[in-house]
Amino acid sequence: QTITDRASFYLLKFSSGTYEFKLNEGDLLVIDRSSGHERSVFTLSGGETFLASLSLAFAVSDIVSHNAPLESIFIDEGFGSLDRETRESLGEFFELIKLNAGRMVGIISHLEDLAEKFDQRVLVEKHGDYSTVKVQVI
């Protein structure tokens, strides 16, 4: 229940106040606050599933960090299933997390519009049979 409550906090933020979690007899449900309907997490679309997973990851990270210092969290892809408007709000929210939680949030993505939101980037460029890594500070 503690994880569900904390994940609801994030899911509400990520979905602009539309969705929250509910635990019902061991089943994880999503409540659509605009309609008041409850549904199984298995009925979520690709983008909604990504937001739900991201919310659960942040919740678990928050809870675990009370016993061990977690200074960073990395999120690998998944953003392609989100529309541009949702990605826009996530970029702002990641910055708030970093500032308020004292935690670095690393995003691994191929999406330029998401990369543009961050002032520090690690670029991996492929050159035939080898790759180079470049740190970019804007």
Protein backbone atom coordinates (compact mmCIF):
# COMPACT_ATOMS: atom_id res chain seq x y z
CA GLN A 1 0.00 0.00 0.00
CA THR A 2 2.88 2.38 0.75
CA ILE A 3 4.30 1.91 -2.75
CA THR A 4 0.84 2.35 -4.29
CA ASP A 5 0.25 5.59 -2.39
CA ARG A 6 3.62 7.03 -3.38
CA ALA A 7 3.21 5.88 -7.00
CA SER A 8 -0.18 7.62 -7.10
CA PHE A 9 1.55 10.88 -6.21
CA TYR A 10 3.80 10.52 -9.27
CA LEU A 11 1.09 9.21 -11.59
CA LEU A 12 -1.09 12.21 -10.76
CA LYS A 13 1.84 14.51 -11.62
CA PHE A 14 2.77 12.65 -14.82
CA SER A 15 -0.84 12.51 -16.05
CA SER A 16 -1.66 16.14 -15.17
CA GLY A 17 -4.05 15.03 -12.43
CA THR A 18 -5.97 12.47 -14.48
CA TYR A 19 -4.85 9.09 -13.11
CA GLU A 20 -4.04 7.59 -9.75
CA PHE A 21 -3.48 4.06 -8.45
CA LYS A 22 -5.69 2.02 -6.17
CA LEU A 23 -4.85 -1.31 -4.58
CA ASN A 24 -7.94 -3.53 -4.32
CA GLU A 25 -7.51 -6.96 -2.76
CA GLY A 26 -4.05 -7.35 -4.26
CA ASP A 27 -5.03 -6.05 -7.71
CA LEU A 28 -3.51 -2.80 -8.93
CA LEU A 29 -6.12 -0.54 -10.50
CA VAL A 30 -6.03 2.88 -12.10
CA ILE A 31 -8.66 5.46 -11.28
CA ASP A 32 -9.51 7.94 -14.01
CA ARG A 33 -10.31 11.07 -12.00
CA SER A 34 -12.03 12.74 -14.95
CA SER A 35 -14.64 9.97 -15.22
CA GLY A 36 -14.41 8.36 -11.79
CA HIS A 37 -14.02 4.90 -13.35
CA GLU A 38 -11.61 2.27 -12.09
CA ARG A 39 -9.85 -0.16 -14.41
CA SER A 40 -7.12 -2.75 -14.39
CA VAL A 41 -3.60 -1.63 -15.20
CA PHE A 42 -3.69 -4.26 -17.97
CA THR A 43 -6.11 -2.03 -19.94
CA LEU A 44 -3.71 0.93 -20.14
CA SER A 45 -2.43 2.12 -23.51
CA GLY A 46 1.28 2.05 -24.31
CA GLY A 47 1.86 5.63 -23.16
CA GLU A 48 -0.27 5.16 -20.05
CA THR A 49 1.60 1.95 -19.20
CA PHE A 50 4.89 3.80 -19.48
CA LEU A 51 3.68 6.55 -17.13
CA ALA A 52 2.39 3.95 -14.67
CA SER A 53 5.69 2.05 -14.75
CA LEU A 54 7.66 5.25 -14.32
CA SER A 55 5.49 6.21 -11.35
CA LEU A 56 6.05 2.83 -9.71
CA ALA A 57 9.81 3.05 -10.31
CA PHE A 58 10.00 6.47 -8.65
CA ALA A 59 7.86 5.25 -5.74
CA VAL A 60 10.07 2.23 -5.10
CA SER A 61 13.14 4.45 -5.38
CA ASP A 62 11.71 6.88 -2.82
CA ILE A 63 10.89 4.12 -0.37
CA VAL A 64 14.22 2.32 -0.74
CA SER A 65 16.15 5.57 -0.41
CA HIS A 66 15.01 5.97 3.19
CA ASN A 67 17.31 3.08 4.07
CA ALA A 68 20.09 3.64 1.53
CA PRO A 69 21.30 6.80 -0.16
CA LEU A 70 20.19 6.71 -3.79
CA GLU A 71 21.72 9.66 -5.58
CA SER A 72 20.53 8.90 -9.09
CA ILE A 73 17.96 7.09 -11.16
CA PHE A 74 18.25 6.21 -14.85
CA ILE A 75 15.32 5.70 -17.18
CA ASP A 76 15.96 3.84 -20.41
CA GLU A 77 13.65 4.70 -23.31
CA GLY A 78 9.90 4.26 -23.29
CA PHE A 79 9.34 7.89 -24.19
CA GLY A 80 8.48 7.13 -27.82
CA SER A 81 5.07 5.89 -26.72
CA LEU A 82 4.24 9.31 -25.25
CA ASP A 83 2.89 12.29 -27.14
CA ARG A 84 4.96 15.48 -27.36
CA GLU A 85 2.81 17.33 -24.77
CA THR A 86 3.29 14.58 -22.19
CA ARG A 87 7.05 14.47 -22.87
CA GLU A 88 7.13 18.25 -22.36
CA SER A 89 5.58 17.96 -18.90
CA LEU A 90 7.91 15.09 -17.94
CA GLY A 91 11.00 17.13 -18.73
CA GLU A 92 9.85 19.83 -16.35
CA PHE A 93 8.93 17.27 -13.71
CA PHE A 94 12.34 15.56 -13.89
CA GLU A 95 13.95 18.92 -13.20
CA LEU A 96 11.69 19.41 -10.17
CA ILE A 97 12.62 15.93 -8.91
CA LYS A 98 16.31 16.73 -9.28
CA LEU A 99 15.99 20.03 -7.44
CA ASN A 100 13.70 18.82 -4.66
CA ALA A 101 14.95 15.29 -4.09
CA GLY A 102 18.66 15.93 -4.49
CA ARG A 103 18.75 13.13 -7.03
CA MET A 104 20.21 13.01 -10.52
CA VAL A 105 17.78 11.75 -13.13
CA GLY A 106 19.43 10.27 -16.21
CA ILE A 107 17.32 9.81 -19.31
CA ILE A 108 18.43 7.46 -22.07
CA SER A 109 16.64 8.44 -25.24
CA HIS A 110 16.91 8.92 -29.00
CA LEU A 111 14.26 11.66 -29.03
CA GLU A 112 15.67 15.11 -29.83
CA ASP A 113 12.74 17.03 -28.30
CA LEU A 114 13.38 15.29 -24.97
CA ALA A 115 17.16 15.68 -25.14
CA GLU A 116 16.75 19.43 -25.71
CA LYS A 117 15.24 19.76 -22.23
CA PHE A 118 18.51 18.94 -20.50
CA ASP A 119 21.56 21.16 -20.25
CA GLN A 120 23.97 18.24 -19.86
CA ARG A 121 24.06 15.33 -22.29
CA VAL A 122 26.23 12.33 -22.94
CA LEU A 123 26.19 11.66 -26.66
CA VAL A 124 27.15 8.28 -28.05
CA GLU A 125 28.02 8.40 -31.74
CA LYS A 126 28.53 5.28 -33.80
CA HIS A 127 31.32 5.27 -36.39
CA GLY A 128 31.26 1.96 -38.25
CA ASP A 129 32.81 -0.62 -35.92
CA TYR A 130 33.42 1.73 -32.97
CA SER A 131 31.60 4.43 -31.00
CA THR A 132 32.69 7.65 -29.35
CA VAL A 133 31.30 9.28 -26.24
CA LYS A 134 31.05 13.03 -25.94
CA VAL A 135 29.85 15.05 -22.94
CA GLN A 136 27.92 18.13 -23.98
CA VAL A 137 27.14 20.98 -21.58
CA ILE A 138 24.82 23.67 -22.89
